[in-house]
Amino acid sequence: MAILSTAFPYTLEMFALTRMPAKTFGTLMSLEPAMGAFMGMIFLNEHLTLTQWFALFCIIGSSIGSASTMKTKNETVEIN
């Protein structure tokens, strides 16, 4: 069970990271908590509180914001 729940997904994530840009990978990884929450709602009949929904949106929003403002290696910062 440990291999299926941690090692296998980690291996797939590292494989995907080598095949796509870091911005895209980061944004997709931010959806992981949301997918876990939705799977819990669908398969386990769990419900999120308002605080948990807010926290989930904060995680996703911060990850998307971080990925979208990330500078590439070729960009330089100009100081006026």
Protein backbone atom coordinates (compact mmCIF):
# COMPACT_ATOMS: atom_id res chain seq x y z
CA MET A 1 0.00 0.00 0.00
CA ALA A 2 2.86 2.40 0.76
CA ILE A 3 4.25 1.97 -2.75
CA LEU A 4 0.90 2.70 -4.37
CA SER A 5 0.09 5.69 -2.19
CA THR A 6 3.44 7.50 -2.17
CA ALA A 7 6.24 6.11 -4.29
CA PHE A 8 4.25 5.52 -7.48
CA PRO A 9 2.58 8.98 -7.56
CA TYR A 10 5.91 10.65 -6.71
CA THR A 11 7.58 8.82 -9.59
CA LEU A 12 4.83 9.94 -11.96
CA GLU A 13 5.17 13.53 -10.74
CA MET A 14 8.92 13.53 -11.35
CA PHE A 15 8.38 12.03 -14.79
CA ALA A 16 5.82 14.74 -15.61
CA LEU A 17 8.10 17.50 -14.29
CA THR A 18 10.78 16.57 -16.81
CA ARG A 19 8.25 16.74 -19.65
CA MET A 20 6.46 20.04 -18.98
CA PRO A 21 7.29 23.61 -17.95
CA ALA A 22 7.60 24.34 -14.22
CA LYS A 23 4.73 26.86 -14.37
CA THR A 24 2.34 24.28 -15.76
CA PHE A 25 3.49 21.61 -13.34
CA GLY A 26 3.09 23.95 -10.36
CA THR A 27 -0.41 24.95 -11.40
CA LEU A 28 -1.46 21.35 -11.89
CA MET A 29 0.04 20.36 -8.53
CA SER A 30 -2.01 23.08 -6.85
CA LEU A 31 -5.10 21.21 -7.96
CA GLU A 32 -4.04 18.10 -6.01
CA PRO A 33 -5.68 19.17 -2.70
CA ALA A 34 -8.85 20.10 -4.58
CA MET A 35 -8.99 16.75 -6.31
CA GLY A 36 -8.50 15.00 -2.96
CA ALA A 37 -11.34 17.01 -1.47
CA PHE A 38 -13.64 16.26 -4.39
CA MET A 39 -12.80 12.55 -4.31
CA GLY A 40 -13.60 12.54 -0.60
CA MET A 41 -16.94 14.18 -1.32
CA ILE A 42 -17.79 11.75 -4.12
CA PHE A 43 -16.53 8.43 -2.76
CA LEU A 44 -16.56 8.94 1.02
CA ASN A 45 -19.55 11.29 1.32
CA GLU A 46 -17.44 13.84 3.20
CA HIS A 47 -18.35 17.51 3.40
CA LEU A 48 -16.07 20.53 3.73
CA THR A 49 -16.73 23.36 6.14
CA LEU A 50 -16.62 26.97 4.99
CA THR A 51 -13.17 27.36 6.54
CA GLN A 52 -11.89 24.30 4.66
CA TRP A 53 -13.27 25.62 1.36
CA PHE A 54 -11.59 28.97 2.01
CA ALA A 55 -8.28 27.26 2.79
CA LEU A 56 -8.54 25.15 -0.35
CA PHE A 57 -9.10 28.22 -2.53
CA CYS A 58 -6.20 30.03 -0.81
CA ILE A 59 -3.84 27.14 -1.61
CA ILE A 60 -4.91 26.99 -5.25
CA GLY A 61 -4.87 30.77 -5.67
CA SER A 62 -1.43 31.20 -4.15
CA SER A 63 0.02 28.46 -6.29
CA ILE A 64 -1.46 29.89 -9.47
CA GLY A 65 -0.30 33.38 -8.50
CA SER A 66 3.18 32.15 -7.75
CA ALA A 67 3.43 30.23 -11.01
CA SER A 68 2.07 33.09 -13.09
CA THR A 69 4.50 35.66 -11.69
CA MET A 70 7.55 33.40 -11.90
CA LYS A 71 10.35 34.77 -14.03
CA THR A 72 11.98 32.58 -16.62
CA LYS A 73 15.74 32.09 -16.77
CA ASN A 74 16.09 34.47 -19.72
CA GLU A 75 14.25 37.38 -18.13
CA THR A 76 16.29 40.12 -16.51
CA VAL A 77 15.20 42.73 -14.06
CA GLU A 78 15.74 46.32 -15.13
CA ILE A 79 16.49 48.85 -12.41
CA ASN A 80 15.67 52.46 -13.29
